[in-house]
Structure formats: C-alpha cells, structure tokens
Protein backbone atom coordinates (compact mmCIF):
# COMPACT_ATOMS: atom_id res chain seq x y z
CA UNK A 1 -97.07 24.10 145.03
CA UNK A 2 -94.44 23.76 142.24
CA UNK A 3 -97.00 22.00 140.06
CA UNK A 4 -99.51 24.66 140.40
CA UNK A 5 -97.06 27.52 139.65
CA UNK A 6 -96.10 25.47 136.55
CA UNK A 7 -99.70 25.38 135.41
CA UNK A 8 -100.15 29.09 136.13
CA UNK A 9 -96.97 29.69 134.07
CA UNK A 10 -97.95 27.44 131.20
CA UNK A 11 -101.41 29.40 131.08
CA UNK A 12 -99.87 32.58 131.00
CA UNK A 13 -97.82 32.07 128.14
CA UNK A 14 -95.75 32.11 125.86
CA UNK A 15 -98.69 32.13 123.15
CA UNK A 16 -98.43 32.65 119.20
CA UNK A 17 -100.85 35.46 119.45
CA UNK A 18 -102.15 37.60 116.48
CA UNK A 19 -101.27 41.32 116.78
CA UNK A 20 -104.45 42.29 114.58
CA UNK A 21 -106.78 40.52 116.93
CA UNK A 22 -105.25 41.98 120.06
CA UNK A 23 -105.42 45.46 118.42
CA UNK A 24 -108.98 45.18 117.49
CA UNK A 25 -109.92 43.83 120.96
CA UNK A 26 -108.41 46.68 122.99
CA UNK A 27 -109.91 49.10 120.65
CA UNK A 28 -113.20 47.65 121.27
CA UNK A 29 -112.46 47.49 125.24
CA UNK A 30 -111.77 51.29 125.02
CA UNK A 31 -114.63 52.05 123.72
CA UNK A 32 -116.55 51.46 126.94
CA UNK A 33 -114.44 54.70 128.54
CA UNK A 34 -115.39 56.46 125.36
CA UNK A 35 -119.00 55.71 125.83
CA UNK A 36 -119.08 57.19 129.43
CA UNK A 37 -118.14 60.53 128.11
CA UNK A 38 -120.74 60.78 125.43
CA UNK A 39 -123.19 61.33 128.31
CA UNK A 40 -121.53 64.73 128.59
CA UNK A 41 -123.07 65.72 125.17
CA UNK A 42 -127.00 65.79 124.38
CA UNK A 43 -128.58 63.65 121.61
CA UNK A 44 -127.53 64.78 118.16
CA UNK A 45 -124.48 65.62 115.93
CA UNK A 46 -122.20 66.74 118.81
CA UNK A 47 -122.49 63.37 120.49
CA UNK A 48 -121.95 61.49 117.22
CA UNK A 49 -119.05 63.67 116.31
CA UNK A 50 -117.45 63.08 119.92
CA UNK A 51 -117.80 59.39 119.49
CA UNK A 52 -116.50 59.01 116.08
CA UNK A 53 -113.58 61.54 116.92
CA UNK A 54 -112.77 59.31 120.07
CA UNK A 55 -112.92 56.11 118.00
CA UNK A 56 -110.61 57.68 115.55
CA UNK A 57 -108.20 58.77 118.35
CA UNK A 58 -108.19 55.25 119.94
CA UNK A 59 -107.56 53.38 116.58
CA UNK A 60 -104.52 55.95 115.98
CA UNK A 61 -103.07 55.55 119.43
CA UNK A 62 -103.32 51.87 119.22
CA UNK A 63 -101.18 51.60 116.19
CA UNK A 64 -97.77 51.61 117.87
CA UNK A 65 -98.81 48.42 120.12
CA UNK A 66 -99.81 46.79 117.02
CA UNK A 67 -96.80 47.48 115.04
CA UNK A 68 -94.42 46.37 118.02
CA UNK A 69 -96.32 43.22 118.19
CA UNK A 70 -96.25 42.54 114.51
CA UNK A 71 -92.66 43.60 114.31
CA UNK A 72 -91.83 41.09 117.09
CA UNK A 73 -93.80 38.45 115.44
CA UNK A 74 -91.88 39.07 111.97
CA UNK A 75 -88.48 39.03 113.98
CA UNK A 76 -89.12 35.56 115.95
CA UNK A 77 -90.85 33.91 113.07
CA UNK A 78 -91.48 30.34 113.87
CA UNK A 79 -88.92 30.14 116.69
CA UNK A 80 -90.50 29.63 120.06
CA UNK A 81 -90.07 32.31 122.67
CA UNK A 82 -88.93 31.81 126.34
CA UNK A 83 -91.37 32.80 129.10
CA UNK A 84 -89.11 35.78 130.21
CA UNK A 85 -88.73 37.04 126.56
CA UNK A 86 -92.62 36.75 126.43
CA UNK A 87 -93.21 38.79 129.49
CA UNK A 88 -90.58 41.37 128.58
CA UNK A 89 -92.38 41.88 125.24
CA UNK A 90 -95.90 42.24 126.91
CA UNK A 91 -94.27 44.78 129.50
CA UNK A 92 -92.66 46.76 126.70
CA UNK A 93 -96.17 46.77 124.76
CA UNK A 94 -97.99 47.84 127.96
CA UNK A 95 -95.29 50.49 128.49
CA UNK A 96 -95.51 51.72 124.88
CA UNK A 97 -99.65 52.05 125.49
CA UNK A 98 -99.13 54.36 128.51
CA UNK A 99 -96.66 56.35 126.65
CA UNK A 100 -98.78 56.80 123.69
CA UNK A 101 -101.88 57.58 125.85
CA UNK A 102 -99.88 60.11 127.85
CA UNK A 103 -98.95 61.69 124.49
CA UNK A 104 -102.45 61.79 123.25
CA UNK A 105 -103.39 63.60 126.24
CA UNK A 106 -100.86 66.05 125.73
CA UNK A 107 -100.83 66.68 121.80
CA UNK A 108 -103.65 64.89 120.21
CA UNK A 109 -106.88 65.93 122.29
CA UNK A 110 -106.07 69.68 122.18
CA UNK A 111 -105.46 69.05 118.29
CA UNK A 112 -108.95 67.42 118.17
CA UNK A 113 -110.46 70.33 120.17
CA UNK A 114 -112.73 67.85 122.21
CA UNK A 115 -112.93 66.84 125.75
CA UNK A 116 -110.28 64.71 127.51
CA UNK A 117 -111.76 61.09 127.34
CA UNK A 118 -108.30 59.29 127.70
CA UNK A 119 -107.84 59.43 131.71
CA UNK A 120 -104.34 58.01 132.02
CA UNK A 121 -104.13 58.50 135.68
CA UNK A 122 -101.13 57.78 137.67
CA UNK A 123 -98.29 56.16 135.40
CA UNK A 124 -97.22 53.34 137.43
CA UNK A 125 -100.94 52.23 137.94
CA UNK A 126 -101.74 52.56 134.51
CA UNK A 127 -98.68 50.34 133.36
CA UNK A 128 -99.49 47.74 135.83
CA UNK A 129 -103.21 47.77 134.73
CA UNK A 130 -102.37 47.68 130.93
CA UNK A 131 -99.64 44.76 131.84
CA UNK A 132 -101.93 42.55 133.80
CA UNK A 133 -104.89 43.17 131.09
CA UNK A 134 -102.35 42.22 128.08
CA UNK A 135 -101.12 39.06 129.87
CA UNK A 136 -104.51 37.65 130.86
CA UNK A 137 -106.23 38.84 127.74
CA UNK A 138 -103.58 36.96 125.49
CA UNK A 139 -103.78 34.04 127.94
CA UNK A 140 -107.73 33.76 128.08
CA UNK A 141 -107.94 34.11 124.49
CA UNK A 142 -105.18 31.88 123.02
CA UNK A 143 -104.75 29.29 125.66
CA UNK A 144 -107.73 27.20 124.17
CA UNK A 145 -106.32 27.84 120.84
CA UNK A 146 -102.80 26.59 121.96
CA UNK A 147 -104.60 23.60 123.38
CA UNK A 148 -106.40 22.70 120.43
CA UNK A 149 -103.23 23.01 118.44
CA UNK A 150 -101.83 20.56 120.54
CA UNK A 151 -104.41 18.18 120.43
CA UNK A 152 -104.39 18.61 116.65
CA UNK A 153 -100.64 17.91 116.59
CA UNK A 154 -100.97 14.91 118.79
CA UNK A 155 -103.96 13.72 116.45
CA UNK A 156 -101.85 14.33 113.46
CA UNK A 157 -99.04 12.38 114.96
CA UNK A 158 -101.28 9.29 115.71
CA UNK A 159 -102.64 9.63 112.32
CA UNK A 160 -99.16 9.45 110.77
CA UNK A 161 -98.34 6.33 113.08
CA UNK A 162 -101.49 4.67 112.05
CA UNK A 163 -100.82 5.09 108.62
CA UNK A 164 -97.32 3.69 109.04
CA UNK A 165 -98.84 0.62 110.66
CA UNK A 166 -101.18 0.14 107.78
CA UNK A 167 -98.22 0.32 105.49
CA UNK A 168 -96.21 -2.15 107.68
CA UNK A 169 -99.39 -4.34 107.86
CA UNK A 170 -99.99 -4.50 104.10
CA UNK A 171 -96.22 -5.25 103.41
CA UNK A 172 -96.20 -7.86 105.96
CA UNK A 173 -99.45 -9.45 104.61
CA UNK A 174 -97.79 -9.43 101.17
CA UNK A 175 -94.78 -10.69 102.30
CA UNK A 176 -96.29 -13.69 104.02
CA UNK A 177 -98.53 -14.51 100.91
CA UNK A 178 -95.55 -14.36 98.82
CA UNK A 179 -93.58 -16.79 100.86
CA UNK A 180 -96.64 -19.20 101.27
CA UNK A 181 -97.10 -18.82 97.53
CA UNK A 182 -93.40 -19.77 96.98
CA UNK A 183 -93.52 -22.50 99.34
CA UNK A 184 -96.47 -24.19 97.79
CA UNK A 185 -95.16 -23.65 94.05
CA UNK A 186 -91.50 -24.75 94.90
CA UNK A 187 -91.35 -26.98 97.88
CA UNK A 188 -94.95 -28.62 97.86
CA UNK A 189 -95.30 -29.15 94.26
CA UNK A 190 -91.65 -30.50 94.13
CA UNK A 191 -92.40 -33.15 96.96
CA UNK A 192 -95.77 -34.13 95.37
CA UNK A 193 -93.74 -34.74 92.09
CA UNK A 194 -91.06 -36.70 93.92
CA UNK A 195 -94.00 -38.69 95.88
CA UNK A 196 -95.62 -39.50 92.38
CA UNK A 197 -92.40 -40.45 90.81
CA UNK A 198 -91.59 -42.75 93.70
CA UNK A 199 -95.01 -44.29 93.47
CA UNK A 200 -94.31 -44.82 89.53
CA UNK A 201 -91.13 -46.68 90.21
CA UNK A 202 -93.16 -48.99 92.60
CA UNK A 203 -95.60 -49.92 90.11
CA UNK A 204 -92.84 -51.41 88.27
CA UNK A 205 -92.46 -54.38 90.72
CA UNK A 206 -95.79 -55.07 92.15
CA UNK A 207 -98.87 -57.00 90.62
CA UNK A 208 -101.30 -55.55 87.96
CA UNK A 209 -103.96 -55.22 90.53
CA UNK A 210 -101.68 -53.31 92.79
CA UNK A 211 -100.77 -50.92 89.80
CA UNK A 212 -104.49 -50.26 89.10
CA UNK A 213 -104.88 -48.80 92.74
CA UNK A 214 -101.46 -46.88 92.64
CA UNK A 215 -102.11 -45.36 89.32
CA UNK A 216 -105.33 -43.81 90.71
CA UNK A 217 -103.15 -42.41 93.65
CA UNK A 218 -100.59 -41.07 91.43
CA UNK A 219 -103.29 -39.46 89.16
CA UNK A 220 -104.81 -37.79 92.29
CA UNK A 221 -101.32 -36.30 93.67
CA UNK A 222 -100.65 -35.09 90.00
CA UNK A 223 -104.07 -33.22 90.17
CA UNK A 224 -103.32 -31.82 93.44
CA UNK A 225 -99.92 -30.60 92.30
CA UNK A 226 -100.98 -29.17 89.02
CA UNK A 227 -104.24 -27.71 89.82
CA UNK A 228 -105.18 -27.45 93.46
CA UNK A 229 -101.84 -26.10 94.67
CA UNK A 230 -101.36 -23.95 91.63
CA UNK A 231 -104.87 -22.37 92.27
CA UNK A 232 -104.28 -22.01 95.94
CA UNK A 233 -100.88 -20.11 95.19
CA UNK A 234 -102.62 -17.76 92.66
CA UNK A 235 -105.28 -16.77 95.25
CA UNK A 236 -102.50 -15.90 97.59
CA UNK A 237 -100.47 -13.87 94.80
CA UNK A 238 -102.56 -12.91 92.10
CA UNK A 239 -101.09 -12.95 88.81
CA UNK A 240 -102.05 -9.29 87.77
CA UNK A 241 -99.33 -8.92 85.28
CA UNK A 242 -100.20 -12.12 83.30
CA UNK A 243 -103.95 -12.36 84.00
CA UNK A 244 -104.99 -8.99 84.69
CA UNK A 245 -107.41 -7.84 87.35
CA UNK A 246 -110.42 -9.50 85.21
CA UNK A 247 -108.52 -12.71 85.24
CA UNK A 248 -107.31 -12.66 88.77
CA UNK A 249 -110.83 -11.94 90.07
CA UNK A 250 -112.34 -14.47 87.87
CA UNK A 251 -109.71 -17.01 89.67
CA UNK A 252 -111.08 -15.60 93.35
CA UNK A 253 -114.83 -16.18 92.10
CA UNK A 254 -114.29 -19.78 90.90
CA UNK A 255 -113.07 -20.65 94.29
CA UNK A 256 -116.45 -19.95 95.65
CA UNK A 257 -118.69 -20.65 92.72
CA UNK A 258 -119.96 -23.85 93.88
CA UNK A 259 -121.62 -22.29 97.01
CA UNK A 260 -122.41 -18.98 95.47
CA UNK A 261 -123.43 -17.09 92.23
CA UNK A 262 -121.34 -14.17 91.07
CA UNK A 263 -122.06 -10.92 88.73
CA UNK A 264 -118.38 -9.50 87.75
CA UNK A 265 -118.39 -6.03 86.10
CA UNK A 266 -114.84 -5.03 85.63
CA UNK A 267 -114.12 -3.43 82.28
CA UNK A 268 -110.94 -4.46 80.27
CA UNK A 269 -109.74 -0.67 80.64
CA UNK A 270 -109.17 -1.76 84.68
CA UNK A 271 -105.82 -3.31 83.22
CA UNK A 272 -104.57 -0.09 82.44
CA UNK A 273 -104.59 0.93 86.08
CA UNK A 274 -101.17 1.44 88.15
CA UNK A 275 -100.06 -1.94 89.43
CA UNK A 276 -100.58 -0.89 93.20
CA UNK A 277 -103.92 0.40 92.42
CA UNK A 278 -105.04 -3.06 90.71
CA UNK A 279 -103.44 -5.06 93.76
CA UNK A 280 -105.37 -2.67 96.27
CA UNK A 281 -108.57 -3.27 94.36
CA UNK A 282 -108.09 -7.01 94.18
CA UNK A 283 -107.27 -7.26 98.05
CA UNK A 284 -110.22 -4.88 98.71
CA UNK A 285 -112.59 -7.05 96.60
CA UNK A 286 -111.04 -10.23 98.18
CA UNK A 287 -111.79 -9.06 101.74
CA UNK A 288 -115.57 -7.81 100.55
CA UNK A 289 -116.29 -11.12 99.27
CA UNK A 290 -114.95 -13.05 102.34
CA UNK A 291 -116.86 -10.61 104.78
CA UNK A 292 -120.05 -11.23 102.71
CA UNK A 293 -119.74 -15.04 102.94
CA UNK A 294 -118.77 -14.89 106.88
CA UNK A 295 -121.40 -12.30 107.82
CA UNK A 296 -123.81 -12.56 105.07
CA UNK A 297 -124.72 -15.27 104.57
CA UNK A 298 -125.08 -14.43 100.87
CA UNK A 299 -126.19 -16.63 97.92
CA UNK A 300 -125.08 -14.01 95.06
CA UNK A 301 -122.50 -11.37 95.42
CA UNK A 302 -121.88 -8.48 92.70
CA UNK A 303 -118.37 -7.25 92.10
CA UNK A 304 -118.06 -3.89 90.18
CA UNK A 305 -115.14 -1.66 89.15
CA UNK A 306 -116.33 1.43 87.18
CA UNK A 307 -114.98 5.09 86.88
CA UNK A 308 -117.14 7.37 89.09
CA UNK A 309 -115.58 10.34 87.44
CA UNK A 310 -112.49 11.44 85.49
CA UNK A 311 -110.34 11.17 88.68
CA UNK A 312 -111.82 8.41 90.76
CA UNK A 313 -112.52 4.67 90.55
CA UNK A 314 -115.35 3.30 92.43
CA UNK A 315 -115.22 -0.39 93.81
CA UNK A 316 -118.30 -2.25 94.76
CA UNK A 317 -118.87 -5.65 96.37
CA UNK A 318 -122.71 -6.06 96.82
CA UNK A 319 -124.31 -9.04 98.61
CA UNK A 320 -127.84 -10.33 99.03
CA UNK A 321 -127.30 -11.43 102.69
CA UNK A 322 -129.39 -10.76 105.74
CA UNK A 323 -127.77 -7.06 106.16
CA UNK A 324 -128.11 -5.27 109.29
CA UNK A 325 -125.55 -4.22 111.76
CA UNK A 326 -122.04 -3.04 110.16
CA UNK A 327 -119.21 -5.04 111.34
CA UNK A 328 -116.27 -2.46 111.70
CA UNK A 329 -113.85 -4.88 113.28
CA UNK A 330 -112.01 -7.90 112.11
CA UNK A 331 -109.02 -8.47 109.90
CA UNK A 332 -110.65 -7.79 106.80
CA UNK A 333 -111.92 -4.54 107.75
CA UNK A 334 -108.31 -3.71 108.99
CA UNK A 335 -106.86 -4.88 105.78
CA UNK A 336 -109.47 -2.75 103.65
CA UNK A 337 -108.71 0.34 105.77
CA UNK A 338 -104.81 -0.35 105.28
CA UNK A 339 -104.96 -0.34 101.52
CA UNK A 340 -107.39 2.90 101.59
CA UNK A 341 -104.76 4.55 103.80
CA UNK A 342 -101.82 3.66 101.44
CA UNK A 343 -103.85 4.67 98.24
CA UNK A 344 -105.70 7.75 99.68
CA UNK A 345 -109.01 6.25 99.29
CA UNK A 346 -112.29 6.47 101.30
CA UNK A 347 -115.13 3.92 101.92
CA UNK A 348 -118.89 4.04 102.23
CA UNK A 349 -121.09 0.93 103.78
CA UNK A 350 -124.60 0.54 103.56
CA UNK A 351 -126.41 -2.07 105.31
CA UNK A 352 -130.20 -2.60 106.22
CA UNK A 353 -131.88 -5.53 107.54
CA UNK A 354 -133.01 -7.95 104.67
CA UNK A 355 -131.33 -5.54 101.79
CA UNK A 356 -127.89 -7.02 102.17
CA UNK A 357 -124.56 -5.55 102.53
CA UNK A 358 -122.64 -2.96 100.03
CA UNK A 359 -119.01 -2.16 100.48
CA UNK A 360 -118.27 0.95 98.18
CA UNK A 361 -114.69 2.13 97.89
CA UNK A 362 -113.50 5.24 95.94
CA UNK A 363 -109.73 5.40 95.03
CA UNK A 364 -107.78 7.94 93.13
CA UNK A 365 -107.26 6.83 89.30
CA UNK A 366 -103.54 6.04 88.60
CA UNK A 367 -102.73 4.91 85.02
CA UNK A 368 -99.89 2.61 84.65
CA UNK A 369 -96.56 4.24 83.45
CA UNK A 370 -95.17 2.31 80.61
C-alpha cells in the first residue's frame, strides 16, 4: 500500500511546469464552456462578437494565474520544491482563478454588456474542481517530460562514465605499451648485449672451428638486438616526435609488407597536427590495419589521411578483403572508439560482400602549438 501511495505522490508532483503552457491549455479548455453559450445567438455578427468577447475575457482573467505561476518559477529558480509546497502553490493558483472568475462575473461581464458565460457556481465546488484539474493536468502533461528528463540524465551519466572508461582504457593501453617498449629497449637489449659479450669471450678459448659457429650465433644475436627488438619497440611506442606520422606509419606497414601491399597517402603537413591527434591517428590506423588482416583477409590496404574541410581530418583504412558483415566488437574496435571519444571524432564503416572494408574516421583538426 505504501509503495502505491508513493507512486501516486510521485506521479502528482512536484513537476517543473511551464506557466505559459498551462495558461494556454486552460484557455483552450475554457472555450468549450464559451461555445455552449454561443448557441443563444443566431449565426452572424452577434455570435462572432460574443465569441471573441468571451475569448478576450478568458484570456484577461487567466493572466493572474499565469503571473502567480511565473513569479513562483522565478522565486524558486533551479531549487526543487517539496511536495507540500507544490500542493500549496497549486491550491493558491486554483483559489486565485475562483476569485478572478467571481470578480469577472461581478465587474467584467457587466462592463462587456454581454451574457454571463462564466458560471462560477458554488465557491467550494469551483475551488475543488479547479484544484483537482490543475494537479492532474500538470501531472498528465508533465510526468512524461520528467520521466524523459530522468532517462536523459541517466543516459548522460552513463555516457560520461563510458567516456571516462575510454580515457582510462587508452591511458592504460599506452602505459602498458610504454613499459613493454622500455623493457625491450633496456633490459632485453641489455641482456642480449651481455650474452653476445660472453660468447665473444668464449671464442678466445675454443677452436677455430668452434669460433666460426659462435660468430654466426653472435651475429644473429646482434641483429635481433639492434634491429628486431628496436622495430618491435617502435611499433609499441611510435617515435612520432622524431619520425613523424608518415615515418611511424611506414614502420608499421613494413612489419606486414612481406604478406601485403600498401598504399600510403599521408601528406607531410600531417606532422603539424597536435601530438595527441597524431598518436590517435596512428592508433586508429594501426587497429584498422590489424582488423583488415584478421577479418579480411586482405592483400592490399590503402591508408589515407587528408583534410575533409578546414576544420576536420579524414582518416581512411581501405582494404580489398571479402567484405560483408561489419564486426562491431573486439579490442580493435574498442580502442578506435576510445580514441574517438577522447578526440571528439566520429566513424563511418562501409563493407559489402566482395567490395572490401572501409574504415573512415573524422577528427577535429588541431595544429601543434610551438
């Protein structure tokens, strides 16, 4: 029972109503009473005059109600009213309408020299009728708006939480990559160097035939240390400051060039973009290429970065894979969406059977501040 009463109370108010809307709706509602009295007149100028005279009277008498509700709205501002205050406010507004109608019957109708169409009736009955009408009218017309507002607030909170998680995801991803790159660059390279030095010392005490075998191993270790480990380290954390966006993307496609062919269309002007934008573009291209390889399978990939207009950058990753259904899940897609959330971008995906896959991303253009 208590829950049912709470639901009714929540339905009735308090609502953040609009006085002008209530004023106009009550005015329209009152016209049905006015129309009844028009039948006392024949068709013609008299009936028209009576109708517009009555409309003017209702509009004039509704102004005190509008002004009271507007004043209350201004006084309360953004503060939320209690249910008791809200009920008292509606009671006061209803009381004012009764007094205004009584005053209208006594003073306005004789002044207009027309028939009495206000029909106030018994004071208590009129007050109760208007009070109940006011409460339920506002509840019915505004309860849905309040529900929509609460749903929008919930959606906005969820969207903010999602954006925060995206930011955390990107931050964590970059931190892990940085640690892994540092581990490869410092510890792994260092250990490979020490292993090479130890093997070199061993060659001093073994036969010439053994030296030949060890020298080959030492050379391979040095190649792994100086080339392979460095390349993996660069892929994990691209050197955008030193090699720029173009050079970093070239390193990326070189990793897959033995299996795929690439077309790289990135203007040198791209290096003037903001550092965060460049890193975001690189990560989006990286995930786009990985997705094309995993889900294509593609044999050729085109990477294109261009200005779509004066304020936007367009990034495209286009492959010649089999196309078909769009895969909207997976780590790669999440990483792309996370960067779009951080950079305030949007994406378009095109994929049809036999026509490959196209990832198109639009980002707000931000130049590097020197």
